[in-house]
PDB file of N, CA and C in Angstrom:
ATOM      1  N   MET A   1     -23.327 -46.316 309.466  1.00  0.00           N
ATOM      2  CA  MET A   1     -24.589 -47.013 309.485  1.00  0.00           C
ATOM      3  C   MET A   1     -25.625 -46.199 310.295  1.00  0.00           C
ATOM      4  N   ILE A   2     -25.196 -45.540 311.368  1.00  0.00           N
ATOM      5  CA  ILE A   2     -26.114 -44.753 312.149  1.00  0.00           C
ATOM      6  C   ILE A   2     -26.647 -43.553 311.337  1.00  0.00           C
ATOM      7  N   LYS A   3     -25.746 -42.926 310.579  1.00  0.00           N
ATOM      8  CA  LYS A   3     -26.126 -41.784 309.776  1.00  0.00           C
ATOM      9  C   LYS A   3     -27.155 -42.210 308.705  1.00  0.00           C
ATOM     10  N   TYR A   4     -26.971 -43.366 308.098  1.00  0.00           N
ATOM     11  CA  TYR A   4     -27.893 -43.837 307.103  1.00  0.00           C
ATOM     12  C   TYR A   4     -29.257 -44.171 307.722  1.00  0.00           C
ATOM     13  N   SER A   5     -29.246 -44.791 308.912  1.00  0.00           N
ATOM     14  CA  SER A   5     -30.507 -45.116 309.579  1.00  0.00           C
ATOM     15  C   SER A   5     -31.250 -43.841 309.974  1.00  0.00           C
ATOM     16  N   LEU A   6     -30.527 -42.839 310.482  1.00  0.00           N
ATOM     17  CA  LEU A   6     -31.117 -41.585 310.849  1.00  0.00           C
ATOM     18  C   LEU A   6     -31.696 -40.862 309.621  1.00  0.00           C
ATOM     19  N   PHE A   7     -30.956 -40.872 308.508  1.00  0.00           N
ATOM     20  CA  PHE A   7     -31.407 -40.273 307.280  1.00  0.00           C
ATOM     21  C   PHE A   7     -32.701 -40.959 306.801  1.00  0.00           C
ATOM     22  N   LEU A   8     -32.708 -42.286 306.822  1.00  0.00           N
ATOM     23  CA  LEU A   8     -33.883 -43.056 306.416  1.00  0.00           C
ATOM     24  C   LEU A   8     -35.074 -42.791 307.317  1.00  0.00           C
ATOM     25  N   LEU A   9     -34.866 -42.694 308.588  1.00  0.00           N
ATOM     26  CA  LEU A   9     -35.930 -42.438 309.557  1.00  0.00           C
ATOM     27  C   LEU A   9     -36.550 -41.031 309.326  1.00  0.00           C
ATOM     28  N   VAL A  10     -35.709 -40.008 309.121  1.00  0.00           N
ATOM     29  CA  VAL A  10     -36.179 -38.634 308.863  1.00  0.00           C
ATOM     30  C   VAL A  10     -36.951 -38.584 307.538  1.00  0.00           C
ATOM     31  N   THR A  11     -36.425 -39.253 306.515  1.00  0.00           N
ATOM     32  CA  THR A  11     -37.084 -39.291 305.213  1.00  0.00           C
ATOM     33  C   THR A  11     -38.468 -39.930 305.315  1.00  0.00           C
ATOM     34  N   LEU A  12     -38.573 -41.040 306.027  1.00  0.00           N
ATOM     35  CA  LEU A  12     -39.879 -41.720 306.190  1.00  0.00           C
ATOM     36  C   LEU A  12     -40.845 -40.837 306.969  1.00  0.00           C
ATOM     37  N   ILE A  13     -40.388 -40.135 307.973  1.00  0.00           N
ATOM     38  CA  ILE A  13     -41.276 -39.249 308.743  1.00  0.00           C
ATOM     39  C   ILE A  13     -41.796 -38.114 307.866  1.00  0.00           C
ATOM     40  N   ILE A  14     -40.919 -37.521 307.046  1.00  0.00           N
ATOM     41  CA  ILE A  14     -41.312 -36.421 306.171  1.00  0.00           C
ATOM     42  C   ILE A  14     -42.298 -36.930 305.128  1.00  0.00           C
ATOM     43  N   LEU A  15     -42.022 -38.067 304.504  1.00  0.00           N
ATOM     44  CA  LEU A  15     -42.936 -38.604 303.500  1.00  0.00           C
ATOM     45  C   LEU A  15     -44.264 -39.006 304.112  1.00  0.00           C
ATOM     46  N   GLY A  16     -44.248 -39.541 305.318  1.00  0.00           N
ATOM     47  CA  GLY A  16     -45.500 -39.921 305.983  1.00  0.00           C
ATOM     48  C   GLY A  16     -46.345 -38.678 306.339  1.00  0.00           C
ATOM     49  N   ALA A  17     -45.698 -37.582 306.677  1.00  0.00           N
ATOM     50  CA  ALA A  17     -46.424 -36.369 306.998  1.00  0.00           C
ATOM     51  C   ALA A  17     -47.022 -35.693 305.751  1.00  0.00           C
ATOM     52  N   CYS A  18     -46.459 -35.956 304.590  1.00  0.00           N
ATOM     53  CA  CYS A  18     -46.929 -35.320 303.340  1.00  0.00           C
ATOM     54  C   CYS A  18     -48.119 -36.048 302.733  1.00  0.00           C
ATOM     55  N   SER A  19     -48.346 -37.253 303.061  1.00  0.00           N
ATOM     56  CA  SER A  19     -49.444 -38.011 302.427  1.00  0.00           C
ATOM     57  C   SER A  19     -50.753 -37.707 303.161  1.00  0.00           C
ATOM     58  N   PRO A  20     -51.879 -37.660 302.412  1.00  0.00           N
ATOM     59  CA  PRO A  20     -53.181 -37.378 303.044  1.00  0.00           C
ATOM     60  C   PRO A  20     -53.558 -38.529 303.961  1.00  0.00           C
ATOM     61  N   SER A  21     -54.276 -38.194 305.050  1.00  0.00           N
ATOM     62  CA  SER A  21     -54.635 -39.193 306.031  1.00  0.00           C
ATOM     63  C   SER A  21     -55.941 -39.910 305.683  1.00  0.00           C
ATOM     64  N   SER A  22     -56.762 -39.318 304.755  1.00  0.00           N
ATOM     65  CA  SER A  22     -58.028 -39.952 304.370  1.00  0.00           C
ATOM     66  C   SER A  22     -58.399 -39.555 302.965  1.00  0.00           C
ATOM     67  N   ASP A  23     -59.516 -40.100 302.488  1.00  0.00           N
ATOM     68  CA  ASP A  23     -59.947 -39.816 301.113  1.00  0.00           C
ATOM     69  C   ASP A  23     -60.875 -38.601 301.059  1.00  0.00           C
ATOM     70  N   THR A  24     -61.049 -37.874 302.130  1.00  0.00           N
ATOM     71  CA  THR A  24     -61.916 -36.696 302.102  1.00  0.00           C
ATOM     72  C   THR A  24     -61.256 -35.570 301.350  1.00  0.00           C
ATOM     73  N   GLU A  25     -62.104 -34.614 300.886  1.00  0.00           N
ATOM     74  CA  GLU A  25     -61.562 -33.469 300.161  1.00  0.00           C
ATOM     75  C   GLU A  25     -60.765 -32.583 301.105  1.00  0.00           C
ATOM     76  N   LEU A  26     -59.768 -31.974 300.542  1.00  0.00           N
ATOM     77  CA  LEU A  26     -58.947 -31.059 301.327  1.00  0.00           C
ATOM     78  C   LEU A  26     -59.732 -29.787 301.623  1.00  0.00           C
ATOM     79  N   PRO A  27     -59.458 -29.132 302.742  1.00  0.00           N
ATOM     80  CA  PRO A  27     -60.225 -27.943 303.089  1.00  0.00           C
ATOM     81  C   PRO A  27     -59.918 -26.753 302.190  1.00  0.00           C
ATOM     82  N   THR A  28     -58.895 -26.838 301.352  1.00  0.00           N
ATOM     83  CA  THR A  28     -58.588 -25.741 300.474  1.00  0.00           C
ATOM     84  C   THR A  28     -59.427 -25.760 299.175  1.00  0.00           C
ATOM     85  N   LEU A  29     -60.221 -26.809 298.984  1.00  0.00           N
ATOM     86  CA  LEU A  29     -61.039 -26.900 297.785  1.00  0.00           C
ATOM     87  C   LEU A  29     -62.257 -26.003 297.940  1.00  0.00           C
ATOM     88  N   ALA A  30     -62.461 -25.119 296.996  1.00  0.00           N
ATOM     89  CA  ALA A  30     -63.598 -24.197 297.047  1.00  0.00           C
ATOM     90  C   ALA A  30     -64.472 -24.407 295.789  1.00  0.00           C
ATOM     91  N   VAL A  31     -65.747 -24.554 296.000  1.00  0.00           N
ATOM     92  CA  VAL A  31     -66.700 -24.673 294.912  1.00  0.00           C
ATOM     93  C   VAL A  31     -67.273 -23.268 294.685  1.00  0.00           C
ATOM     94  N   LEU A  32     -66.963 -22.695 293.516  1.00  0.00           N
ATOM     95  CA  LEU A  32     -67.380 -21.320 293.253  1.00  0.00           C
ATOM     96  C   LEU A  32     -68.750 -21.324 292.606  1.00  0.00           C
ATOM     97  N   PRO A  33     -69.552 -20.329 292.955  1.00  0.00           N
ATOM     98  CA  PRO A  33     -70.900 -20.231 292.352  1.00  0.00           C
ATOM     99  C   PRO A  33     -70.781 -19.830 290.872  1.00  0.00           C
ATOM    100  N   THR A  34     -71.683 -20.307 290.069  1.00  0.00           N
ATOM    101  CA  THR A  34     -71.736 -19.946 288.683  1.00  0.00           C
ATOM    102  C   THR A  34     -73.014 -19.245 288.352  1.00  0.00           C
ATOM    103  N   LEU A  35     -72.986 -18.421 287.351  1.00  0.00           N
ATOM    104  CA  LEU A  35     -74.206 -17.730 286.924  1.00  0.00           C
ATOM    105  C   LEU A  35     -75.015 -18.675 286.037  1.00  0.00           C
ATOM    106  N   GLU A  36     -76.285 -18.761 286.371  1.00  0.00           N
ATOM    107  CA  GLU A  36     -77.180 -19.623 285.586  1.00  0.00           C
ATOM    108  C   GLU A  36     -77.627 -18.832 284.338  1.00  0.00           C
ATOM    109  N   PRO A  37     -77.641 -19.458 283.178  1.00  0.00           N
ATOM    110  CA  PRO A  37     -78.129 -18.754 281.999  1.00  0.00           C
ATOM    111  C   PRO A  37     -79.644 -18.492 282.120  1.00  0.00           C
ATOM    112  N   THR A  38     -80.072 -17.407 281.519  1.00  0.00           N
ATOM    113  CA  THR A  38     -81.526 -17.083 281.521  1.00  0.00           C
ATOM    114  C   THR A  38     -82.211 -18.043 280.587  1.00  0.00           C
ATOM    115  N   LEU A  39     -83.177 -18.779 281.121  1.00  0.00           N
ATOM    116  CA  LEU A  39     -83.879 -19.791 280.311  1.00  0.00           C
ATOM    117  C   LEU A  39     -84.980 -19.145 279.495  1.00  0.00           C
ATOM    118  N   THR A  40     -85.592 -18.088 279.977  1.00  0.00           N
ATOM    119  CA  THR A  40     -86.641 -17.429 279.236  1.00  0.00           C
ATOM    120  C   THR A  40     -86.082 -16.090 278.671  1.00  0.00           C
ATOM    121  N   PRO A  41     -86.466 -15.752 277.453  1.00  0.00           N
ATOM    122  CA  PRO A  41     -85.977 -14.502 276.895  1.00  0.00           C
ATOM    123  C   PRO A  41     -86.504 -13.297 277.687  1.00  0.00           C
ATOM    124  N   VAL A  42     -85.645 -12.315 277.853  1.00  0.00           N
ATOM    125  CA  VAL A  42     -86.009 -11.110 278.562  1.00  0.00           C
ATOM    126  C   VAL A  42     -86.678 -10.152 277.574  1.00  0.00           C
ATOM    127  N   PRO A  43     -87.918  -9.696 277.886  1.00  0.00           N
ATOM    128  CA  PRO A  43     -88.611  -8.805 276.934  1.00  0.00           C
ATOM    129  C   PRO A  43     -87.880  -7.450 276.800  1.00  0.00           C
ATOM    130  N   ILE A  44     -87.947  -6.897 275.633  1.00  0.00           N
ATOM    131  CA  ILE A  44     -87.324  -5.578 275.344  1.00  0.00           C
ATOM    132  C   ILE A  44     -88.440  -4.541 275.496  1.00  0.00           C
ATOM    133  N   ARG A  45     -88.237  -3.597 276.393  1.00  0.00           N
ATOM    134  CA  ARG A  45     -89.219  -2.540 276.601  1.00  0.00           C
ATOM    135  C   ARG A  45     -88.837  -1.281 275.867  1.00  0.00           C
ATOM    136  N   PRO A  46     -89.820  -0.617 275.198  1.00  0.00           N
ATOM    137  CA  PRO A  46     -89.485   0.598 274.445  1.00  0.00           C
ATOM    138  C   PRO A  46     -89.237   1.783 275.396  1.00  0.00           C
ATOM    139  N   LEU A  47     -88.322   2.644 274.975  1.00  0.00           N
ATOM    140  CA  LEU A  47     -87.998   3.857 275.751  1.00  0.00           C
ATOM    141  C   LEU A  47     -88.185   5.032 274.798  1.00  0.00           C
ATOM    142  N   GLU A  48     -89.145   5.904 275.148  1.00  0.00           N
ATOM    143  CA  GLU A  48     -89.439   7.064 274.290  1.00  0.00           C
ATOM    144  C   GLU A  48     -88.460   8.189 274.566  1.00  0.00           C
ATOM    145  N   PHE A  49     -88.368   9.143 273.628  1.00  0.00           N
ATOM    146  CA  PHE A  49     -87.482  10.299 273.717  1.00  0.00           C
ATOM    147  C   PHE A  49     -87.806  11.075 274.965  1.00  0.00           C
ATOM    148  N   TRP A  50     -86.820  11.402 275.772  1.00  0.00           N
ATOM    149  CA  TRP A  50     -86.909  12.147 277.021  1.00  0.00           C
ATOM    150  C   TRP A  50     -87.663  11.420 278.141  1.00  0.00           C
ATOM    151  N   GLN A  51     -87.894  10.137 277.992  1.00  0.00           N
ATOM    152  CA  GLN A  51     -88.580   9.380 279.023  1.00  0.00           C
ATOM    153  C   GLN A  51     -87.567   8.913 280.084  1.00  0.00           C
ATOM    154  N   ALA A  52     -87.828   9.292 281.338  1.00  0.00           N
ATOM    155  CA  ALA A  52     -86.993   8.848 282.456  1.00  0.00           C
ATOM    156  C   ALA A  52     -87.575   7.539 283.021  1.00  0.00           C
ATOM    157  N   VAL A  53     -86.704   6.630 283.359  1.00  0.00           N
ATOM    158  CA  VAL A  53     -87.131   5.339 283.882  1.00  0.00           C
ATOM    159  C   VAL A  53     -86.354   5.031 285.148  1.00  0.00           C
ATOM    160  N   ASN A  54     -87.045   4.584 286.199  1.00  0.00           N
ATOM    161  CA  ASN A  54     -86.422   4.131 287.405  1.00  0.00           C
ATOM    162  C   ASN A  54     -86.718   2.658 287.549  1.00  0.00           C
ATOM    163  N   GLY A  55     -85.777   1.913 288.116  1.00  0.00           N
ATOM    164  CA  GLY A  55     -85.994   0.507 288.320  1.00  0.00           C
ATOM    165  C   GLY A  55     -85.024  -0.036 289.341  1.00  0.00           C
ATOM    166  N   THR A  56     -85.299  -1.256 289.810  1.00  0.00           N
ATOM    167  CA  THR A  56     -84.435  -1.888 290.805  1.00  0.00           C
ATOM    168  C   THR A  56     -84.234  -3.355 290.345  1.00  0.00           C
ATOM    169  N   LEU A  57     -82.982  -3.746 290.381  1.00  0.00           N
ATOM    170  CA  LEU A  57     -82.661  -5.175 290.109  1.00  0.00           C
ATOM    171  C   LEU A  57     -82.520  -5.843 291.465  1.00  0.00           C
ATOM    172  N   VAL A  58     -83.339  -6.842 291.692  1.00  0.00           N
ATOM    173  CA  VAL A  58     -83.438  -7.513 293.019  1.00  0.00           C
ATOM    174  C   VAL A  58     -82.223  -8.425 293.281  1.00  0.00           C
ATOM    175  N   ASN A  59     -81.753  -9.121 292.242  1.00  0.00           N
ATOM    176  CA  ASN A  59     -80.627  -9.991 292.436  1.00  0.00           C
ATOM    177  C   ASN A  59     -79.661  -9.897 291.282  1.00  0.00           C
ATOM    178  N   THR A  60     -78.533 -10.548 291.371  1.00  0.00           N
ATOM    179  CA  THR A  60     -77.475 -10.399 290.345  1.00  0.00           C
ATOM    180  C   THR A  60     -77.818 -11.082 289.035  1.00  0.00           C
ATOM    181  N   SER A  61     -78.813 -11.968 289.005  1.00  0.00           N
ATOM    182  CA  SER A  61     -79.146 -12.636 287.771  1.00  0.00           C
ATOM    183  C   SER A  61     -80.267 -11.919 287.009  1.00  0.00           C
ATOM    184  N   GLN A  62     -80.845 -10.884 287.591  1.00  0.00           N
ATOM    185  CA  GLN A  62     -81.944 -10.151 286.946  1.00  0.00           C
ATOM    186  C   GLN A  62     -81.385  -9.251 285.827  1.00  0.00           C
ATOM    187  N   VAL A  63     -82.128  -9.155 284.721  1.00  0.00           N
ATOM    188  CA  VAL A  63     -81.710  -8.362 283.584  1.00  0.00           C
ATOM    189  C   VAL A  63     -82.903  -7.502 283.148  1.00  0.00           C
ATOM    190  N   ASP A  64     -82.657  -6.252 282.809  1.00  0.00           N
ATOM    191  CA  ASP A  64     -83.647  -5.359 282.201  1.00  0.00           C
ATOM    192  C   ASP A  64     -83.121  -4.976 280.810  1.00  0.00           C
ATOM    193  N   ARG A  65     -84.022  -4.994 279.824  1.00  0.00           N
ATOM    194  CA  ARG A  65     -83.626  -4.656 278.471  1.00  0.00           C
ATOM    195  C   ARG A  65     -84.545  -3.494 278.004  1.00  0.00           C
ATOM    196  N   TRP A  66     -83.903  -2.455 277.451  1.00  0.00           N
ATOM    197  CA  TRP A  66     -84.657  -1.310 276.953  1.00  0.00           C
ATOM    198  C   TRP A  66     -84.177  -1.050 275.528  1.00  0.00           C
ATOM    199  N   GLN A  67     -85.065  -0.455 274.686  1.00  0.00           N
ATOM    200  CA  GLN A  67     -84.712  -0.123 273.335  1.00  0.00           C
ATOM    201  C   GLN A  67     -85.246   1.256 273.021  1.00  0.00           C
ATOM    202  N   PHE A  68     -84.416   2.041 272.332  1.00  0.00           N
ATOM    203  CA  PHE A  68     -84.827   3.352 271.880  1.00  0.00           C
ATOM    204  C   PHE A  68     -84.264   3.642 270.505  1.00  0.00           C
ATOM    205  N   THR A  69     -84.847   4.623 269.829  1.00  0.00           N
ATOM    206  CA  THR A  69     -84.418   5.022 268.511  1.00  0.00           C
ATOM    207  C   THR A  69     -83.697   6.346 268.623  1.00  0.00           C
ATOM    208  N   GLY A  70     -82.541   6.472 267.997  1.00  0.00           N
ATOM    209  CA  GLY A  70     -81.777   7.694 268.041  1.00  0.00           C
ATOM    210  C   GLY A  70     -81.115   7.927 266.676  1.00  0.00           C
ATOM    211  N   GLN A  71     -80.487   9.080 266.571  1.00  0.00           N
ATOM    212  CA  GLN A  71     -79.769   9.429 265.369  1.00  0.00           C
ATOM    213  C   GLN A  71     -78.311   9.724 265.726  1.00  0.00           C
ATOM    214  N   ALA A  72     -77.465   9.726 264.743  1.00  0.00           N
ATOM    215  CA  ALA A  72     -76.060  10.044 264.956  1.00  0.00           C
ATOM    216  C   ALA A  72     -75.942  11.414 265.614  1.00  0.00           C
ATOM    217  N   GLY A  73     -75.175  11.509 266.658  1.00  0.00           N
ATOM    218  CA  GLY A  73     -74.962  12.768 267.354  1.00  0.00           C
ATOM    219  C   GLY A  73     -75.912  12.985 268.540  1.00  0.00           C
ATOM    220  N   ASP A  74     -76.930  12.155 268.676  1.00  0.00           N
ATOM    221  CA  ASP A  74     -77.817  12.288 269.851  1.00  0.00           C
ATOM    222  C   ASP A  74     -77.063  11.928 271.119  1.00  0.00           C
ATOM    223  N   ALA A  75     -77.297  12.710 272.195  1.00  0.00           N
ATOM    224  CA  ALA A  75     -76.659  12.441 273.461  1.00  0.00           C
ATOM    225  C   ALA A  75     -77.462  11.410 274.234  1.00  0.00           C
ATOM    226  N   ILE A  76     -76.749  10.538 274.912  1.00  0.00           N
ATOM    227  CA  ILE A  76     -77.376   9.487 275.755  1.00  0.00           C
ATOM    228  C   ILE A  76     -76.870   9.697 277.155  1.00  0.00           C
ATOM    229  N   SER A  77     -77.781   9.769 278.117  1.00  0.00           N
ATOM    230  CA  SER A  77     -77.390   9.919 279.511  1.00  0.00           C
ATOM    231  C   SER A  77     -77.907   8.705 280.284  1.00  0.00           C
ATOM    232  N   LEU A  78     -77.023   8.088 281.015  1.00  0.00           N
ATOM    233  CA  LEU A  78     -77.350   6.894 281.769  1.00  0.00           C
ATOM    234  C   LEU A  78     -76.721   6.984 283.140  1.00  0.00           C
ATOM    235  N   ARG A  79     -77.515   6.750 284.163  1.00  0.00           N
ATOM    236  CA  ARG A  79     -77.003   6.790 285.539  1.00  0.00           C
ATOM    237  C   ARG A  79     -77.404   5.500 286.263  1.00  0.00           C
ATOM    238  N   ALA A  80     -76.444   4.800 286.771  1.00  0.00           N
ATOM    239  CA  ALA A  80     -76.663   3.553 287.512  1.00  0.00           C
ATOM    240  C   ALA A  80     -75.973   3.647 288.864  1.00  0.00           C
ATOM    241  N   LEU A  81     -76.668   3.222 289.904  1.00  0.00           N
ATOM    242  CA  LEU A  81     -76.117   3.276 291.232  1.00  0.00           C
ATOM    243  C   LEU A  81     -75.869   1.836 291.719  1.00  0.00           C
ATOM    244  N   GLY A  82     -74.792   1.676 292.467  1.00  0.00           N
ATOM    245  CA  GLY A  82     -74.489   0.361 293.036  1.00  0.00           C
ATOM    246  C   GLY A  82     -73.542  -0.394 292.139  1.00  0.00           C
ATOM    247  N   PRO A  83     -73.222  -1.623 292.566  1.00  0.00           N
ATOM    248  CA  PRO A  83     -72.322  -2.477 291.776  1.00  0.00           C
ATOM    249  C   PRO A  83     -73.101  -3.156 290.619  1.00  0.00           C
ATOM    250  N   VAL A  84     -73.165  -2.447 289.512  1.00  0.00           N
ATOM    251  CA  VAL A  84     -73.943  -2.952 288.383  1.00  0.00           C
ATOM    252  C   VAL A  84     -73.059  -3.095 287.151  1.00  0.00           C
ATOM    253  N   SER A  85     -73.526  -3.871 286.223  1.00  0.00           N
ATOM    254  CA  SER A  85     -72.860  -4.039 284.928  1.00  0.00           C
ATOM    255  C   SER A  85     -73.811  -3.510 283.859  1.00  0.00           C
ATOM    256  N   VAL A  86     -73.353  -2.452 283.142  1.00  0.00           N
ATOM    257  CA  VAL A  86     -74.198  -1.843 282.143  1.00  0.00           C
ATOM    258  C   VAL A  86     -73.588  -2.034 280.790  1.00  0.00           C
ATOM    259  N   ARG A  87     -74.403  -2.386 279.791  1.00  0.00           N
ATOM    260  CA  ARG A  87     -73.903  -2.591 278.465  1.00  0.00           C
ATOM    261  C   ARG A  87     -74.859  -1.929 277.467  1.00  0.00           C
ATOM    262  N   LEU A  88     -74.297  -1.105 276.576  1.00  0.00           N
ATOM    263  CA  LEU A  88     -75.072  -0.517 275.487  1.00  0.00           C
ATOM    264  C   LEU A  88     -74.696  -1.214 274.183  1.00  0.00           C
ATOM    265  N   GLU A  89     -75.739  -1.610 273.448  1.00  0.00           N
ATOM    266  CA  GLU A  89     -75.512  -2.283 272.166  1.00  0.00           C
ATOM    267  C   GLU A  89     -76.128  -1.435 271.055  1.00  0.00           C
ATOM    268  N   ARG A  90     -75.442  -1.383 269.947  1.00  0.00           N
ATOM    269  CA  ARG A  90     -75.953  -0.609 268.794  1.00  0.00           C
ATOM    270  C   ARG A  90     -76.551  -1.601 267.777  1.00  0.00           C
ATOM    271  N   ASN A  91     -77.818  -1.424 267.496  1.00  0.00           N
ATOM    272  CA  ASN A  91     -78.474  -2.239 266.444  1.00  0.00           C
ATOM    273  C   ASN A  91     -78.811  -1.269 265.315  1.00  0.00           C
ATOM    274  N   ALA A  92     -77.925  -1.190 264.329  1.00  0.00           N
ATOM    275  CA  ALA A  92     -78.109  -0.251 263.244  1.00  0.00           C
ATOM    276  C   ALA A  92     -79.096  -0.789 262.213  1.00  0.00           C
ATOM    277  N   THR A  93     -80.122   0.016 261.895  1.00  0.00           N
ATOM    278  CA  THR A  93     -81.067  -0.346 260.839  1.00  0.00           C
ATOM    279  C   THR A  93     -81.018   0.749 259.800  1.00  0.00           C
ATOM    280  N   ILE A  94     -80.052   0.639 258.888  1.00  0.00           N
ATOM    281  CA  ILE A  94     -79.837   1.685 257.868  1.00  0.00           C
ATOM    282  C   ILE A  94     -80.405   1.212 256.558  1.00  0.00           C
TER     283      ILE A  94
END
């Protein structure tokens, strides 16, 4: 009988320690930031042959769009500094 009482007491203590003490959120819950979609369209700026362009993106949601005309075999040189995401898209008009 003593072993059963001791087992029951230890079980109740363990179960009592595992239950939350209040209805507040646990400190391990993290709300992650999300990227907001661009509400206004970003204008496409023309880029002429051999034209060098410098620019600065102020924040992570800023986008610059450039467009140029090229032919198959033309070399493209792009240099970006810092933690940036660069994407080249091909819009073929044949």
